[in-house]
Amino acid sequence: NKALTREQLLAALWGIEFEGETRTVDAHVGRIRKKLGFQD
């Protein structure tokens, strides 16, 4: 129930800043939504 920025997710999961690579987060979230049925 808290908003997480793409930058927060990148820093926490990859440990470094990926400038211009927020699509990495989008791709992972997309796969999680599909596998778990969490689109909504």
Full PDB file with SEQRES, HELIX, SHEET, SSBOND, CRYST1, ORIGX, SCALE, CONECT and MASTER records, all heavy atoms in Angstrom:
SEQRES   1 A   40  ASN LYS ALA LEU THR ARG GLU GLN LEU LEU ALA ALA LEU          
SEQRES   2 A   40  TRP GLY ILE GLU PHE GLU GLY GLU THR ARG THR VAL ASP          
SEQRES   3 A   40  ALA HIS VAL GLY ARG ILE ARG LYS LYS LEU GLY PHE GLN          
SEQRES   4 A   40  ASP                                                          
HELIX    1 AA1 ARG A    6  TRP A   14  1                                   9    
HELIX    2 AA2 ARG A   23  LEU A   36  1                                  14    
CRYST1    1.000    1.000    1.000  90.00  90.00  90.00 P 1           1          
ORIGX1      1.000000  0.000000  0.000000        0.00000                         
ORIGX2      0.000000  1.000000  0.000000        0.00000                         
ORIGX3      0.000000  0.000000  1.000000        0.00000                         
SCALE1      1.000000  0.000000  0.000000        0.00000                         
SCALE2      0.000000  1.000000  0.000000        0.00000                         
SCALE3      0.000000  0.000000  1.000000        0.00000                         
ATOM      1  N   ASN A   1       0.806  -1.230   0.000  1.00  0.00           N  
ATOM      2  CA  ASN A   1       0.000   0.000   0.000  1.00  0.00           C  
ATOM      3  C   ASN A   1       0.836   1.276   0.000  1.00  0.00           C  
ATOM      4  O   ASN A   1       0.312   2.356   0.278  1.00  0.00           O  
ATOM      5  CB  ASN A   1      -0.985   0.013   1.181  1.00  0.00           C  
ATOM      6  CG  ASN A   1      -1.974  -1.139   1.117  1.00  0.00           C  
ATOM      7  OD1 ASN A   1      -2.567  -1.394   0.080  1.00  0.00           O  
ATOM      8  ND2 ASN A   1      -2.132  -1.842   2.222  1.00  0.00           N  
ATOM      9  N   LYS A   2       2.128   1.153  -0.301  1.00  0.00           N  
ATOM     10  CA  LYS A   2       3.000   2.322  -0.413  1.00  0.00           C  
ATOM     11  C   LYS A   2       3.586   2.382  -1.826  1.00  0.00           C  
ATOM     12  O   LYS A   2       3.965   1.360  -2.382  1.00  0.00           O  
ATOM     13  CB  LYS A   2       4.139   2.259   0.606  1.00  0.00           C  
ATOM     14  CG  LYS A   2       3.684   2.302   2.052  1.00  0.00           C  
ATOM     15  CD  LYS A   2       4.873   2.245   2.991  1.00  0.00           C  
ATOM     16  CE  LYS A   2       4.430   2.255   4.451  1.00  0.00           C  
ATOM     17  NZ  LYS A   2       5.593   2.153   5.376  1.00  0.00           N  
ATOM     18  N   ALA A   3       3.654   3.571  -2.378  1.00  0.00           N  
ATOM     19  CA  ALA A   3       4.221   3.735  -3.708  1.00  0.00           C  
ATOM     20  C   ALA A   3       5.737   3.600  -3.642  1.00  0.00           C  
ATOM     21  O   ALA A   3       6.391   4.211  -2.790  1.00  0.00           O  
ATOM     22  CB  ALA A   3       3.845   5.096  -4.289  1.00  0.00           C  
ATOM     23  N   LEU A   4       6.293   2.793  -4.528  1.00  0.00           N  
ATOM     24  CA  LEU A   4       7.740   2.633  -4.650  1.00  0.00           C  
ATOM     25  C   LEU A   4       8.165   3.160  -6.015  1.00  0.00           C  
ATOM     26  O   LEU A   4       7.580   2.798  -7.037  1.00  0.00           O  
ATOM     27  CB  LEU A   4       8.145   1.160  -4.523  1.00  0.00           C  
ATOM     28  CG  LEU A   4       7.896   0.497  -3.169  1.00  0.00           C  
ATOM     29  CD1 LEU A   4       8.243  -0.982  -3.234  1.00  0.00           C  
ATOM     30  CD2 LEU A   4       8.697   1.178  -2.077  1.00  0.00           C  
ATOM     31  N   THR A   5       9.161   4.018  -6.022  1.00  0.00           N  
ATOM     32  CA  THR A   5       9.645   4.541  -7.293  1.00  0.00           C  
ATOM     33  C   THR A   5      10.507   3.495  -7.988  1.00  0.00           C  
ATOM     34  O   THR A   5      11.057   2.587  -7.347  1.00  0.00           O  
ATOM     35  CB  THR A   5      10.469   5.821  -7.096  1.00  0.00           C  
ATOM     36  OG1 THR A   5      11.699   5.493  -6.422  1.00  0.00           O  
ATOM     37  CG2 THR A   5       9.697   6.851  -6.281  1.00  0.00           C  
ATOM     38  N   ARG A   6      10.649   3.643  -9.276  1.00  0.00           N  
ATOM     39  CA  ARG A   6      11.531   2.739 -10.017  1.00  0.00           C  
ATOM     40  C   ARG A   6      12.967   2.853  -9.512  1.00  0.00           C  
ATOM     41  O   ARG A   6      13.693   1.871  -9.448  1.00  0.00           O  
ATOM     42  CB  ARG A   6      11.455   3.059 -11.506  1.00  0.00           C  
ATOM     43  CG  ARG A   6      10.108   2.713 -12.142  1.00  0.00           C  
ATOM     44  CD  ARG A   6      10.046   3.168 -13.589  1.00  0.00           C  
ATOM     45  NE  ARG A   6       8.817   2.734 -14.247  1.00  0.00           N  
ATOM     46  CZ  ARG A   6       7.668   3.395 -14.184  1.00  0.00           C  
ATOM     47  NH1 ARG A   6       7.592   4.524 -13.459  1.00  0.00           N  
ATOM     48  NH2 ARG A   6       6.600   2.952 -14.816  1.00  0.00           N  
ATOM     49  N   GLU A   7      13.363   4.075  -9.152  1.00  0.00           N  
ATOM     50  CA  GLU A   7      14.728   4.287  -8.660  1.00  0.00           C  
ATOM     51  C   GLU A   7      14.945   3.575  -7.328  1.00  0.00           C  
ATOM     52  O   GLU A   7      16.025   3.005  -7.087  1.00  0.00           O  
ATOM     53  CB  GLU A   7      14.998   5.791  -8.508  1.00  0.00           C  
ATOM     54  CG  GLU A   7      15.125   6.544  -9.823  1.00  0.00           C  
ATOM     55  CD  GLU A   7      13.771   6.748 -10.526  1.00  0.00           C  
ATOM     56  OE1 GLU A   7      12.719   6.644  -9.841  1.00  0.00           O  
ATOM     57  OE2 GLU A   7      13.770   7.003 -11.737  1.00  0.00           O  
ATOM     58  N   GLN A   8      13.938   3.574  -6.464  1.00  0.00           N  
ATOM     59  CA  GLN A   8      14.054   2.859  -5.187  1.00  0.00           C  
ATOM     60  C   GLN A   8      14.213   1.357  -5.426  1.00  0.00           C  
ATOM     61  O   GLN A   8      15.019   0.699  -4.767  1.00  0.00           O  
ATOM     62  CB  GLN A   8      12.813   3.103  -4.329  1.00  0.00           C  
ATOM     63  CG  GLN A   8      12.758   4.462  -3.669  1.00  0.00           C  
ATOM     64  CD  GLN A   8      11.470   4.665  -2.900  1.00  0.00           C  
ATOM     65  OE1 GLN A   8      10.379   4.370  -3.395  1.00  0.00           O  
ATOM     66  NE2 GLN A   8      11.568   5.170  -1.681  1.00  0.00           N  
ATOM     67  N   LEU A   9      13.437   0.831  -6.348  1.00  0.00           N  
ATOM     68  CA  LEU A   9      13.522  -0.596  -6.646  1.00  0.00           C  
ATOM     69  C   LEU A   9      14.863  -0.963  -7.252  1.00  0.00           C  
ATOM     70  O   LEU A   9      15.473  -1.976  -6.890  1.00  0.00           O  
ATOM     71  CB  LEU A   9      12.378  -0.997  -7.587  1.00  0.00           C  
ATOM     72  CG  LEU A   9      10.979  -0.954  -6.972  1.00  0.00           C  
ATOM     73  CD1 LEU A   9       9.914  -1.006  -8.046  1.00  0.00           C  
ATOM     74  CD2 LEU A   9      10.791  -2.105  -5.984  1.00  0.00           C  
ATOM     75  N   LEU A  10      15.357  -0.127  -8.150  1.00  0.00           N  
ATOM     76  CA  LEU A  10      16.671  -0.383  -8.756  1.00  0.00           C  
ATOM     77  C   LEU A  10      17.765  -0.386  -7.697  1.00  0.00           C  
ATOM     78  O   LEU A  10      18.610  -1.284  -7.662  1.00  0.00           O  
ATOM     79  CB  LEU A  10      16.978   0.670  -9.819  1.00  0.00           C  
ATOM     80  CG  LEU A  10      16.298   0.518 -11.178  1.00  0.00           C  
ATOM     81  CD1 LEU A  10      16.517   1.754 -12.020  1.00  0.00           C  
ATOM     82  CD2 LEU A  10      16.813  -0.720 -11.905  1.00  0.00           C  
ATOM     83  N   ALA A  11      17.745   0.615  -6.832  1.00  0.00           N  
ATOM     84  CA  ALA A  11      18.792   0.737  -5.815  1.00  0.00           C  
ATOM     85  C   ALA A  11      18.751  -0.432  -4.839  1.00  0.00           C  
ATOM     86  O   ALA A  11      19.797  -0.951  -4.436  1.00  0.00           O  
ATOM     87  CB  ALA A  11      18.651   2.059  -5.074  1.00  0.00           C  
ATOM     88  N   ALA A  12      17.557  -0.856  -4.439  1.00  0.00           N  
ATOM     89  CA  ALA A  12      17.426  -1.925  -3.452  1.00  0.00           C  
ATOM     90  C   ALA A  12      17.747  -3.300  -4.032  1.00  0.00           C  
ATOM     91  O   ALA A  12      18.370  -4.129  -3.377  1.00  0.00           O  
ATOM     92  CB  ALA A  12      16.014  -1.923  -2.873  1.00  0.00           C  
ATOM     93  N   LEU A  13      17.337  -3.535  -5.276  1.00  0.00           N  
ATOM     94  CA  LEU A  13      17.466  -4.872  -5.848  1.00  0.00           C  
ATOM     95  C   LEU A  13      18.772  -5.085  -6.605  1.00  0.00           C  
ATOM     96  O   LEU A  13      19.343  -6.171  -6.568  1.00  0.00           O  
ATOM     97  CB  LEU A  13      16.283  -5.156  -6.786  1.00  0.00           C  
ATOM     98  CG  LEU A  13      14.907  -5.138  -6.118  1.00  0.00           C  
ATOM     99  CD1 LEU A  13      13.806  -5.260  -7.160  1.00  0.00           C  
ATOM    100  CD2 LEU A  13      14.795  -6.267  -5.102  1.00  0.00           C  
ATOM    101  N   TRP A  14      19.231  -4.041  -7.283  1.00  0.00           N  
ATOM    102  CA  TRP A  14      20.467  -4.177  -8.061  1.00  0.00           C  
ATOM    103  C   TRP A  14      21.666  -3.548  -7.350  1.00  0.00           C  
ATOM    104  O   TRP A  14      22.801  -3.779  -7.729  1.00  0.00           O  
ATOM    105  CB  TRP A  14      20.301  -3.576  -9.454  1.00  0.00           C  
ATOM    106  CG  TRP A  14      19.564  -4.469 -10.395  1.00  0.00           C  
ATOM    107  CD1 TRP A  14      20.095  -5.361 -11.280  1.00  0.00           C  
ATOM    108  CD2 TRP A  14      18.134  -4.587 -10.551  1.00  0.00           C  
ATOM    109  NE1 TRP A  14      19.091  -6.017 -11.959  1.00  0.00           N  
ATOM    110  CE2 TRP A  14      17.882  -5.559 -11.536  1.00  0.00           C  
ATOM    111  CE3 TRP A  14      17.049  -3.955  -9.938  1.00  0.00           C  
ATOM    112  CZ2 TRP A  14      16.600  -5.913 -11.929  1.00  0.00           C  
ATOM    113  CZ3 TRP A  14      15.771  -4.309 -10.324  1.00  0.00           C  
ATOM    114  CH2 TRP A  14      15.544  -5.278 -11.315  1.00  0.00           C  
ATOM    115  N   GLY A  15      21.398  -2.739  -6.347  1.00  0.00           N  
ATOM    116  CA  GLY A  15      22.461  -2.188  -5.541  1.00  0.00           C  
ATOM    117  C   GLY A  15      23.158  -0.975  -6.107  1.00  0.00           C  
ATOM    118  O   GLY A  15      23.994  -0.372  -5.473  1.00  0.00           O  
ATOM    119  N   ILE A  16      22.833  -0.597  -7.344  1.00  0.00           N  
ATOM    120  CA  ILE A  16      23.437   0.573  -7.967  1.00  0.00           C  
ATOM    121  C   ILE A  16      22.393   1.292  -8.794  1.00  0.00           C  
ATOM    122  O   ILE A  16      21.333   0.750  -9.079  1.00  0.00           O  
ATOM    123  CB  ILE A  16      24.639   0.199  -8.876  1.00  0.00           C  
ATOM    124  CG1 ILE A  16      24.188  -0.789  -9.971  1.00  0.00           C  
ATOM    125  CG2 ILE A  16      25.791  -0.370  -8.090  1.00  0.00           C  
ATOM    126  CD1 ILE A  16      25.275  -1.122 -10.969  1.00  0.00           C  
ATOM    127  N   GLU A  17      22.705   2.524  -9.163  1.00  0.00           N  
ATOM    128  CA  GLU A  17      21.794   3.304  -9.993  1.00  0.00           C  
ATOM    129  C   GLU A  17      21.994   2.940 -11.467  1.00  0.00           C  
ATOM    130  O   GLU A  17      23.104   2.960 -11.977  1.00  0.00           O  
ATOM    131  CB  GLU A  17      22.074   4.803  -9.816  1.00  0.00           C  
ATOM    132  CG  GLU A  17      21.900   5.296  -8.389  1.00  0.00           C  
ATOM    133  CD  GLU A  17      20.431   5.423  -7.998  1.00  0.00           C  
ATOM    134  OE1 GLU A  17      19.588   5.380  -8.904  1.00  0.00           O  
ATOM    135  OE2 GLU A  17      20.166   5.549  -6.799  1.00  0.00           O  
ATOM    136  N   PHE A  18      20.915   2.580 -12.141  1.00  0.00           N  
ATOM    137  CA  PHE A  18      20.965   2.317 -13.573  1.00  0.00           C  
ATOM    138  C   PHE A  18      20.294   3.478 -14.293  1.00  0.00           C  
ATOM    139  O   PHE A  18      19.090   3.497 -14.511  1.00  0.00           O  
ATOM    140  CB  PHE A  18      20.215   1.015 -13.918  1.00  0.00           C  
ATOM    141  CG  PHE A  18      20.930  -0.233 -13.509  1.00  0.00           C  
ATOM    142  CD1 PHE A  18      20.228  -1.412 -13.311  1.00  0.00           C  
ATOM    143  CD2 PHE A  18      22.305  -0.241 -13.336  1.00  0.00           C  
ATOM    144  CE1 PHE A  18      20.867  -2.571 -12.937  1.00  0.00           C  
ATOM    145  CE2 PHE A  18      22.961  -1.405 -12.968  1.00  0.00           C  
ATOM    146  CZ  PHE A  18      22.234  -2.564 -12.770  1.00  0.00           C  
ATOM    147  N   GLU A  19      21.050   4.496 -14.630  1.00  0.00           N  
ATOM    148  CA  GLU A  19      20.453   5.665 -15.282  1.00  0.00           C  
ATOM    149  C   GLU A  19      19.869   5.270 -16.633  1.00  0.00           C  
ATOM    150  O   GLU A  19      20.525   4.655 -17.454  1.00  0.00           O  
ATOM    151  CB  GLU A  19      21.510   6.757 -15.456  1.00  0.00           C  
ATOM    152  CG  GLU A  19      21.972   7.361 -14.138  1.00  0.00           C  
ATOM    153  CD  GLU A  19      22.883   8.542 -14.338  1.00  0.00           C  
ATOM    154  OE1 GLU A  19      23.018   8.972 -15.501  1.00  0.00           O  
ATOM    155  OE2 GLU A  19      23.453   9.015 -13.348  1.00  0.00           O  
ATOM    156  N   GLY A  20      18.624   5.636 -16.816  1.00  0.00           N  
ATOM    157  CA  GLY A  20      17.989   5.349 -18.094  1.00  0.00           C  
ATOM    158  C   GLY A  20      17.547   3.914 -18.259  1.00  0.00           C  
ATOM    159  O   GLY A  20      17.110   3.518 -19.329  1.00  0.00           O  
ATOM    160  N   GLU A  21      17.639   3.105 -17.185  1.00  0.00           N  
ATOM    161  CA  GLU A  21      17.295   1.701 -17.299  1.00  0.00           C  
ATOM    162  C   GLU A  21      16.093   1.330 -16.436  1.00  0.00           C  
ATOM    163  O   GLU A  21      16.028   0.232 -15.898  1.00  0.00           O  
ATOM    164  CB  GLU A  21      18.505   0.830 -16.909  1.00  0.00           C  
ATOM    165  CG  GLU A  21      19.641   0.861 -17.913  1.00  0.00           C  
ATOM    166  CD  GLU A  21      19.240   0.247 -19.251  1.00  0.00           C  
ATOM    167  OE1 GLU A  21      18.353  -0.630 -19.262  1.00  0.00           O  
ATOM    168  OE2 GLU A  21      19.809   0.659 -20.278  1.00  0.00           O  
ATOM    169  N   THR A  22      15.159   2.261 -16.265  1.00  0.00           N  
ATOM    170  CA  THR A  22      13.965   1.938 -15.485  1.00  0.00           C  
ATOM    171  C   THR A  22      13.111   0.887 -16.171  1.00  0.00           C  
ATOM    172  O   THR A  22      12.258   0.274 -15.532  1.00  0.00           O  
ATOM    173  CB  THR A  22      13.122   3.204 -15.236  1.00  0.00           C  
ATOM    174  OG1 THR A  22      12.807   3.815 -16.490  1.00  0.00           O  
ATOM    175  CG2 THR A  22      13.874   4.188 -14.352  1.00  0.00           C  
ATOM    176  N   ARG A  23      13.348   0.661 -17.453  1.00  0.00           N  
ATOM    177  CA  ARG A  23      12.623  -0.410 -18.147  1.00  0.00           C  
ATOM    178  C   ARG A  23      12.936  -1.773 -17.552  1.00  0.00           C  
ATOM    179  O   ARG A  23      12.152  -2.718 -17.692  1.00  0.00           O  
ATOM    180  CB  ARG A  23      12.966  -0.393 -19.635  1.00  0.00           C  
ATOM    181  CG  ARG A  23      12.367   0.792 -20.399  1.00  0.00           C  
ATOM    182  CD  ARG A  23      12.829   0.823 -21.825  1.00  0.00           C  
ATOM    183  NE  ARG A  23      14.279   1.012 -21.915  1.00  0.00           N  
ATOM    184  CZ  ARG A  23      14.970   1.017 -23.046  1.00  0.00           C  
ATOM    185  NH1 ARG A  23      14.344   0.845 -24.196  1.00  0.00           N  
ATOM    186  NH2 ARG A  23      16.267   1.199 -23.036  1.00  0.00           N  
ATOM    187  N   THR A  24      14.100  -1.903 -16.902  1.00  0.00           N  
ATOM    188  CA  THR A  24      14.443  -3.150 -16.221  1.00  0.00           C  
ATOM    189  C   THR A  24      13.401  -3.471 -15.164  1.00  0.00           C  
ATOM    190  O   THR A  24      12.945  -4.614 -15.046  1.00  0.00           O  
ATOM    191  CB  THR A  24      15.833  -3.034 -15.561  1.00  0.00           C  
ATOM    192  OG1 THR A  24      16.802  -2.720 -16.554  1.00  0.00           O  
ATOM    193  CG2 THR A  24      16.216  -4.323 -14.859  1.00  0.00           C  
ATOM    194  N   VAL A  25      13.013  -2.467 -14.381  1.00  0.00           N  
ATOM    195  CA  VAL A  25      11.976  -2.650 -13.362  1.00  0.00           C  
ATOM    196  C   VAL A  25      10.647  -2.979 -14.020  1.00  0.00           C  
ATOM    197  O   VAL A  25       9.934  -3.890 -13.600  1.00  0.00           O  
ATOM    198  CB  VAL A  25      11.845  -1.391 -12.484  1.00  0.00           C  
ATOM    199  CG1 VAL A  25      10.635  -1.493 -11.569  1.00  0.00           C  
ATOM    200  CG2 VAL A  25      13.109  -1.174 -11.669  1.00  0.00           C  
ATOM    201  N   ASP A  26      10.287  -2.228 -15.057  1.00  0.00           N  
ATOM    202  CA  ASP A  26       9.008  -2.453 -15.737  1.00  0.00           C  
ATOM    203  C   ASP A  26       8.891  -3.892 -16.243  1.00  0.00           C  
ATOM    204  O   ASP A  26       7.827  -4.517 -16.135  1.00  0.00           O  
ATOM    205  CB  ASP A  26       8.855  -1.483 -16.908  1.00  0.00           C  
ATOM    206  CG  ASP A  26       8.811  -0.031 -16.445  1.00  0.00           C  
ATOM    207  OD1 ASP A  26       8.432   0.206 -15.287  1.00  0.00           O  
ATOM    208  OD2 ASP A  26       9.150   0.851 -17.259  1.00  0.00           O  
ATOM    209  N   ALA A  27       9.988  -4.414 -16.776  1.00  0.00           N  
ATOM    210  CA  ALA A  27       9.971  -5.779 -17.309  1.00  0.00           C  
ATOM    211  C   ALA A  27       9.746  -6.796 -16.194  1.00  0.00           C  
ATOM    212  O   ALA A  27       8.960  -7.744 -16.345  1.00  0.00           O  
ATOM    213  CB  ALA A  27      11.276  -6.069 -18.041  1.00  0.00           C  
ATOM    214  N   HIS A  28      10.421  -6.613 -15.065  1.00  0.00           N  
ATOM    215  CA  HIS A  28      10.250  -7.542 -13.945  1.00  0.00           C  
ATOM    216  C   HIS A  28       8.838  -7.460 -13.372  1.00  0.00           C  
ATOM    217  O   HIS A  28       8.223  -8.497 -13.075  1.00  0.00           O  
ATOM    218  CB  HIS A  28      11.286  -7.251 -12.855  1.00  0.00           C  
ATOM    219  CG  HIS A  28      12.635  -7.837 -13.133  1.00  0.00           C  
ATOM    220  ND1 HIS A  28      13.512  -7.294 -14.041  1.00  0.00           N  
ATOM    221  CD2 HIS A  28      13.252  -8.947 -12.623  1.00  0.00           C  
ATOM    222  CE1 HIS A  28      14.616  -8.024 -14.076  1.00  0.00           C  
ATOM    223  NE2 HIS A  28      14.489  -9.027 -13.232  1.00  0.00           N  
ATOM    224  N   VAL A  29       8.319  -6.254 -13.217  1.00  0.00           N  
ATOM    225  CA  VAL A  29       6.967  -6.093 -12.694  1.00  0.00           C  
ATOM    226  C   VAL A  29       5.956  -6.730 -13.643  1.00  0.00           C  
ATOM    227  O   VAL A  29       5.003  -7.392 -13.198  1.00  0.00           O  
ATOM    228  CB  VAL A  29       6.637  -4.608 -12.465  1.00  0.00           C  
ATOM    229  CG1 VAL A  29       5.160  -4.428 -12.114  1.00  0.00           C  
ATOM    230  CG2 VAL A  29       7.515  -4.034 -11.350  1.00  0.00           C  
ATOM    231  N   GLY A  30       6.168  -6.559 -14.924  1.00  0.00           N  
ATOM    232  CA  GLY A  30       5.262  -7.156 -15.901  1.00  0.00           C  
ATOM    233  C   GLY A  30       5.204  -8.670 -15.786  1.00  0.00           C  
ATOM    234  O   GLY A  30       4.128  -9.280 -15.847  1.00  0.00           O  
ATOM    235  N   ARG A  31       6.372  -9.298 -15.587  1.00  0.00           N  
ATOM    236  CA  ARG A  31       6.404 -10.758 -15.455  1.00  0.00           C  
ATOM    237  C   ARG A  31       5.762 -11.211 -14.148  1.00  0.00           C  
ATOM    238  O   ARG A  31       5.064 -12.242 -14.116  1.00  0.00           O  
ATOM    239  CB  ARG A  31       7.846 -11.259 -15.570  1.00  0.00           C  
ATOM    240  CG  ARG A  31       8.429 -11.145 -16.980  1.00  0.00           C  
ATOM    241  CD  ARG A  31       9.702 -11.940 -17.129  1.00  0.00           C  
ATOM    242  NE  ARG A  31      10.802 -11.390 -16.355  1.00  0.00           N  
ATOM    243  CZ  ARG A  31      11.656 -10.488 -16.811  1.00  0.00           C  
ATOM    244  NH1 ARG A  31      11.515 -10.017 -18.051  1.00  0.00           N  
ATOM    245  NH2 ARG A  31      12.654 -10.045 -16.071  1.00  0.00           N  
ATOM    246  N   ILE A  32       5.995 -10.454 -13.080  1.00  0.00           N  
ATOM    247  CA  ILE A  32       5.377 -10.805 -11.787  1.00  0.00           C  
ATOM    248  C   ILE A  32       3.858 -10.716 -11.879  1.00  0.00           C  
ATOM    249  O   ILE A  32       3.131 -11.594 -11.418  1.00  0.00           O  
ATOM    250  CB  ILE A  32       5.904  -9.877 -10.682  1.00  0.00           C  
ATOM    251  CG1 ILE A  32       7.392 -10.140 -10.427  1.00  0.00           C  
ATOM    252  CG2 ILE A  32       5.114 -10.062  -9.384  1.00  0.00           C  
ATOM    253  CD1 ILE A  32       8.053  -9.092  -9.552  1.00  0.00           C  
ATOM    254  N   ARG A  33       3.359  -9.653 -12.496  1.00  0.00           N  
ATOM    255  CA  ARG A  33       1.906  -9.492 -12.656  1.00  0.00           C  
ATOM    256  C   ARG A  33       1.314 -10.680 -13.413  1.00  0.00           C  
ATOM    257  O   ARG A  33       0.270 -11.234 -13.021  1.00  0.00           O  
ATOM    258  CB  ARG A  33       1.617  -8.213 -13.430  1.00  0.00           C  
ATOM    259  CG  ARG A  33       1.695  -6.925 -12.616  1.00  0.00           C  
ATOM    260  CD  ARG A  33       1.612  -5.738 -13.543  1.00  0.00           C  
ATOM    261  NE  ARG A  33       1.269  -4.497 -12.854  1.00  0.00           N  
ATOM    262  CZ  ARG A  33       1.362  -3.308 -13.407  1.00  0.00           C  
ATOM    263  NH1 ARG A  33       1.816  -3.179 -14.658  1.00  0.00           N  
ATOM    264  NH2 ARG A  33       1.031  -2.223 -12.719  1.00  0.00           N  
ATOM    265  N   LYS A  34       1.978 -11.066 -14.479  1.00  0.00           N  
ATOM    266  CA  LYS A  34       1.453 -12.149 -15.318  1.00  0.00           C  
ATOM    267  C   LYS A  34       1.470 -13.480 -14.581  1.00  0.00           C  
ATOM    268  O   LYS A  34       0.478 -14.226 -14.597  1.00  0.00           O  
ATOM    269  CB  LYS A  34       2.275 -12.249 -16.606  1.00  0.00           C  
ATOM    270  CG  LYS A  34       1.766 -13.295 -17.584  1.00  0.00           C  
ATOM    271  CD  LYS A  34       2.562 -13.268 -18.876  1.00  0.00           C  
ATOM    272  CE  LYS A  34       2.029 -14.306 -19.866  1.00  0.00           C  
ATOM    273  NZ  LYS A  34       2.810 -14.291 -21.148  1.00  0.00           N  
ATOM    274  N   LYS A  35       2.572 -13.789 -13.902  1.00  0.00           N  
ATOM    275  CA  LYS A  35       2.699 -15.083 -13.233  1.00  0.00           C  
ATOM    276  C   LYS A  35       1.745 -15.209 -12.049  1.00  0.00           C  
ATOM    277  O   LYS A  35       1.199 -16.286 -11.797  1.00  0.00           O  
ATOM    278  CB  LYS A  35       4.144 -15.290 -12.757  1.00  0.00           C  
ATOM    279  CG  LYS A  35       5.142 -15.508 -13.888  1.00  0.00           C  
ATOM    280  CD  LYS A  35       6.565 -15.708 -13.357  1.00  0.00           C  
ATOM    281  CE  LYS A  35       7.548 -15.947 -14.492  1.00  0.00           C  
ATOM    282  NZ  LYS A  35       8.945 -16.182 -14.010  1.00  0.00           N  
ATOM    283  N   LEU A  36       1.539 -14.113 -11.309  1.00  0.00           N  
ATOM    284  CA  LEU A  36       0.715 -14.161 -10.106  1.00  0.00           C  
ATOM    285  C   LEU A  36      -0.730 -13.724 -10.353  1.00  0.00           C  
ATOM    286  O   LEU A  36      -1.574 -13.847  -9.467  1.00  0.00           O  
ATOM    287  CB  LEU A  36       1.313 -13.279  -9.001  1.00  0.00           C  
ATOM    288  CG  LEU A  36       2.411 -13.898  -8.143  1.00  0.00           C  
ATOM    289  CD1 LEU A  36       3.672 -14.185  -8.958  1.00  0.00           C  
ATOM    290  CD2 LEU A  36       2.757 -12.996  -6.967  1.00  0.00           C  
ATOM    291  N   GLY A  37      -1.009 -13.213 -11.546  1.00  0.00           N  
ATOM    292  CA  GLY A  37      -2.341 -12.674 -11.794  1.00  0.00           C  
ATOM    293  C   GLY A  37      -2.588 -11.401 -11.014  1.00  0.00           C  
ATOM    294  O   GLY A  37      -3.708 -11.143 -10.560  1.00  0.00           O  
ATOM    295  N   PHE A  38      -1.536 -10.597 -10.861  1.00  0.00           N  
ATOM    296  CA  PHE A  38      -1.603  -9.385 -10.044  1.00  0.00           C  
ATOM    297  C   PHE A  38      -1.769  -8.114 -10.883  1.00  0.00           C  
ATOM    298  O   PHE A  38      -1.352  -7.033 -10.469  1.00  0.00           O  
ATOM    299  CB  PHE A  38      -0.335  -9.259  -9.190  1.00  0.00           C  
ATOM    300  CG  PHE A  38      -0.388 -10.019  -7.887  1.00  0.00           C  
ATOM    301  CD1 PHE A  38      -1.433 -10.891  -7.602  1.00  0.00           C  
ATOM    302  CD2 PHE A  38       0.601  -9.856  -6.932  1.00  0.00           C  
ATOM    303  CE1 PHE A  38      -1.473 -11.588  -6.407  1.00  0.00           C  
ATOM    304  CE2 PHE A  38       0.568 -10.542  -5.726  1.00  0.00           C  
ATOM    305  CZ  PHE A  38      -0.476 -11.414  -5.460  1.00  0.00           C  
ATOM    306  N   GLN A  39      -2.400  -8.216 -12.049  1.00  0.00           N  
ATOM    307  CA  GLN A  39      -2.560  -7.037 -12.897  1.00  0.00           C  
ATOM    308  C   GLN A  39      -3.288  -5.905 -12.176  1.00  0.00           C  
ATOM    309  O   GLN A  39      -2.974  -4.723 -12.381  1.00  0.00           O  
ATOM    310  CB  GLN A  39      -3.306  -7.415 -14.190  1.00  0.00           C  
ATOM    311  CG  GLN A  39      -2.478  -8.219 -15.172  1.00  0.00           C  
ATOM    312  CD  GLN A  39      -2.474  -9.710 -14.874  1.00  0.00           C  
ATOM    313  OE1 GLN A  39      -3.024 -10.151 -13.865  1.00  0.00           O  
ATOM    314  NE2 GLN A  39      -1.868 -10.506 -15.742  1.00  0.00           N  
ATOM    315  N   ASP A  40      -4.265  -6.268 -11.322  1.00  0.00           N  
ATOM    316  CA  ASP A  40      -5.022  -5.246 -10.595  1.00  0.00           C  
ATOM    317  C   ASP A  40      -4.550  -5.091  -9.150  1.00  0.00           C  
ATOM    318  O   ASP A  40      -5.145  -4.325  -8.393  1.00  0.00           O  
ATOM    319  CB  ASP A  40      -6.519  -5.603 -10.606  1.00  0.00           C  
ATOM    320  CG  ASP A  40      -7.103  -5.574 -12.002  1.00  0.00           C  
ATOM    321  OD1 ASP A  40      -6.661  -4.732 -12.803  1.00  0.00           O  
ATOM    322  OD2 ASP A  40      -7.999  -6.392 -12.284  1.00  0.00           O  
TER     323      ASP A  40                                                      
MASTER        0    0    0    2    0    0    0    6  322    1    0    4          
END                                                                             
